C-alpha cells in the first residue's frame, strides 16, 4: 500500500487564514514590501502565554521575509473571504498584483497587513522548528481582534467552501 498523505488529508476540513508580513524595500512606498499568503495550518498552541503556530514550506519566499521581520499578521477568513483566499494562494508575483487591489489595514503592533474577516492576530516570532519540507513557526500573539461573527471559510477536498457557524 502506497502512502499518500495528501490524499488522506483532503478529507480533513481546516479553517482558512491569510498570513502577511513584509520586507525592507527602499524603492517601495514606506520602504517596505508587503506579502501575504493563504494558509490552513494555523493552530493555537498556548493561551498562557498566548502562542499560535503556522507551518510554511521551506522554499516559501514569504517564510524568508517572516523570519527576517520577526513579525506577521493573521487574518481569519469568513465565508466572504473566498476571493481573497484564492488570490493569495498564487505565486508571489501574482500575490503582489492582488495586494495592490485588496483592501487591508496595517496592524498597529506589527505593521503587517490585516484583511477583512471575523478575527485577526498580530504575532512576533517566538520559536521555529524544522518539520520535513516545512518550518513550523511559533508566534507570540501581541494583539487580537474580533469582528462580527460569520460563517467560516473552510478548505476541504482541495477547495474553499463555507461551513456552518455554531
Protein backbone atom coordinates (compact mmCIF):
# COMPACT_ATOMS: atom_id res chain seq x y z
CA UNK A 1 0.00 0.00 0.00
CA UNK A 2 1.43 3.36 -1.08
CA UNK A 3 1.48 6.17 1.46
CA UNK A 4 -0.49 9.19 0.16
CA UNK A 5 -0.76 11.71 2.98
CA UNK A 6 -2.07 14.46 0.68
CA UNK A 7 -4.99 12.30 -0.49
CA UNK A 8 -5.91 11.32 3.05
CA UNK A 9 -5.68 14.90 4.39
CA UNK A 10 -8.05 16.18 1.69
CA UNK A 11 -10.79 14.73 3.93
CA UNK A 12 -9.74 16.85 6.93
CA UNK A 13 -11.55 20.21 6.97
CA UNK A 14 -9.46 23.18 8.08
CA UNK A 15 -10.11 26.86 8.59
CA UNK A 16 -8.59 29.33 6.17
CA UNK A 17 -6.49 32.35 7.05
CA UNK A 18 -4.10 34.77 5.42
CA UNK A 19 -0.64 35.36 6.85
CA UNK A 20 1.04 38.64 5.97
CA UNK A 21 4.49 40.05 6.60
CA UNK A 22 6.90 42.46 4.95
CA UNK A 23 10.50 43.06 3.90
CA UNK A 24 12.62 46.16 3.64
CA UNK A 25 12.37 47.61 0.13
CA UNK A 26 13.81 51.11 -0.25
CA UNK A 27 12.08 51.57 -3.63
CA UNK A 28 8.61 50.67 -2.23
CA UNK A 29 6.16 53.10 -0.60
CA UNK A 30 7.09 53.47 3.06
CA UNK A 31 10.29 51.49 2.48
CA UNK A 32 8.59 48.09 2.87
CA UNK A 33 7.17 45.48 0.50
CA UNK A 34 4.23 43.52 1.89
CA UNK A 35 3.45 39.91 1.05
CA UNK A 36 0.57 37.70 2.12
CA UNK A 37 -0.31 34.07 1.52
CA UNK A 38 -3.30 31.84 2.20
CA UNK A 39 -2.69 29.13 4.82
CA UNK A 40 -4.69 26.40 6.51
CA UNK A 41 -2.09 25.45 9.10
CA UNK A 42 -2.91 27.99 11.82
CA UNK A 43 -3.31 26.42 15.26
CA UNK A 44 -3.42 27.69 18.82
CA UNK A 45 -0.54 26.35 20.90
CA UNK A 46 -0.98 28.00 24.30
CA UNK A 47 -3.33 30.50 25.90
CA UNK A 48 -0.91 31.44 28.71
CA UNK A 49 1.31 32.73 27.23
CA UNK A 50 -0.70 33.31 24.03
CA UNK A 51 1.04 31.35 21.25
CA UNK A 52 0.00 30.14 17.80
CA UNK A 53 1.76 28.01 15.20
CA UNK A 54 2.00 28.10 11.41
CA UNK A 55 3.68 25.69 9.03
CA UNK A 56 5.20 27.18 5.89
CA UNK A 57 7.10 25.42 3.11
CA UNK A 58 10.88 25.75 3.44
CA UNK A 59 11.11 27.29 -0.05
CA UNK A 60 8.41 29.90 0.62
CA UNK A 61 9.57 33.44 -0.15
CA UNK A 62 7.10 34.68 2.46
CA UNK A 63 8.78 32.46 5.07
CA UNK A 64 12.13 34.15 4.46
CA UNK A 65 10.51 37.59 4.89
CA UNK A 66 8.64 36.46 8.01
CA UNK A 67 11.82 35.17 9.65
CA UNK A 68 13.69 38.38 8.81
CA UNK A 69 10.89 40.68 10.02
CA UNK A 70 10.06 38.55 13.05
CA UNK A 71 6.50 39.87 12.84
CA UNK A 72 3.34 38.88 10.99
CA UNK A 73 -0.40 39.30 10.86
CA UNK A 74 -3.04 36.60 10.60
CA UNK A 75 -6.48 37.30 9.15
CA UNK A 76 -9.01 34.56 9.86
CA UNK A 77 -11.30 34.48 6.82
CA UNK A 78 -15.05 34.09 6.82
CA UNK A 79 -17.26 32.82 4.01
CA UNK A 80 -16.98 36.13 2.15
CA UNK A 81 -13.17 35.74 2.07
CA UNK A 82 -13.03 33.03 -0.62
CA UNK A 83 -11.89 35.52 -3.29
CA UNK A 84 -9.13 36.87 -1.02
CA UNK A 85 -8.03 33.31 -0.21
CA UNK A 86 -7.90 32.35 -3.90
CA UNK A 87 -5.97 35.49 -4.91
CA UNK A 88 -3.38 34.99 -2.17
CA UNK A 89 -2.93 31.25 -2.84
CA UNK A 90 -0.99 32.11 -6.01
CA UNK A 91 2.75 32.50 -6.69
CA UNK A 92 4.39 35.59 -5.18
CA UNK A 93 4.30 37.83 -8.29
CA UNK A 94 0.56 37.22 -8.71
CA UNK A 95 0.02 37.87 -4.99
CA UNK A 96 1.73 41.25 -5.38
CA UNK A 97 -0.77 42.16 -8.09
CA UNK A 98 -3.63 41.15 -5.78
CA UNK A 99 -2.21 43.08 -2.82
CA UNK A 100 -2.42 46.26 -4.89
CA UNK A 101 -6.21 45.90 -5.09
CA UNK A 102 -7.31 44.07 -1.92
CA UNK A 103 -8.44 46.29 0.97
CA UNK A 104 -6.30 45.84 4.08
CA UNK A 105 -5.15 47.79 7.12
CA UNK A 106 -1.69 47.82 8.67
CA UNK A 107 -1.62 46.25 12.10
CA UNK A 108 -0.65 48.72 14.81
CA UNK A 109 1.61 46.22 16.63
CA UNK A 110 3.43 44.70 13.64
CA UNK A 111 2.84 46.78 10.52
CA UNK A 112 1.69 43.60 8.75
CA UNK A 113 -1.48 43.70 6.64
CA UNK A 114 -4.81 42.72 8.20
CA UNK A 115 -7.62 41.69 5.83
CA UNK A 116 -11.35 41.62 6.45
CA UNK A 117 -12.65 38.60 8.35
CA UNK A 118 -14.21 37.59 11.65
CA UNK A 119 -10.90 37.65 13.54
CA UNK A 120 -7.26 38.68 13.34
CA UNK A 121 -3.98 38.32 15.23
CA UNK A 122 -0.67 40.13 15.24
CA UNK A 123 2.33 37.98 16.18
CA UNK A 124 6.04 38.14 16.97
CA UNK A 125 8.37 35.23 16.27
CA UNK A 126 8.94 33.20 19.45
CA UNK A 127 10.47 30.00 18.03
CA UNK A 128 10.71 27.78 14.96
CA UNK A 129 11.21 24.09 14.28
CA UNK A 130 12.21 22.17 11.17
CA UNK A 131 9.47 19.71 10.21
CA UNK A 132 10.28 17.83 7.00
CA UNK A 133 9.81 20.14 4.00
CA UNK A 134 8.17 22.80 6.21
CA UNK A 135 9.20 25.08 9.05
CA UNK A 136 6.84 25.41 11.99
CA UNK A 137 6.91 28.92 13.37
CA UNK A 138 5.57 29.74 16.80
CA UNK A 139 4.29 33.26 17.29
CA UNK A 140 3.64 35.16 20.48
CA UNK A 141 0.28 36.85 20.00
CA UNK A 142 0.71 40.60 20.53
CA UNK A 143 -2.82 41.70 19.64
CA UNK A 144 -6.15 40.21 18.60
CA UNK A 145 -9.38 41.49 17.18
CA UNK A 146 -12.83 40.08 16.63
CA UNK A 147 -15.43 41.40 14.21
CA UNK A 148 -19.00 40.31 13.54
CA UNK A 149 -19.37 36.50 13.62
CA UNK A 150 -19.93 34.94 10.22
CA UNK A 151 -19.96 31.59 8.53
CA UNK A 152 -16.37 30.27 8.38
CA UNK A 153 -14.36 29.69 5.22
CA UNK A 154 -13.18 26.06 5.14
CA UNK A 155 -10.68 24.20 2.97
CA UNK A 156 -11.87 20.66 2.16
CA UNK A 157 -11.30 18.32 -0.78
CA UNK A 158 -8.88 20.81 -2.34
CA UNK A 159 -11.41 23.67 -2.48
CA UNK A 160 -12.72 26.55 -0.42
CA UNK A 161 -16.22 26.04 0.95
CA UNK A 162 -18.43 27.56 3.61
CA UNK A 163 -19.00 25.92 6.97
CA UNK A 164 -21.88 26.20 9.35
CA UNK A 165 -21.37 28.73 12.14
CA UNK A 166 -22.26 27.34 15.55
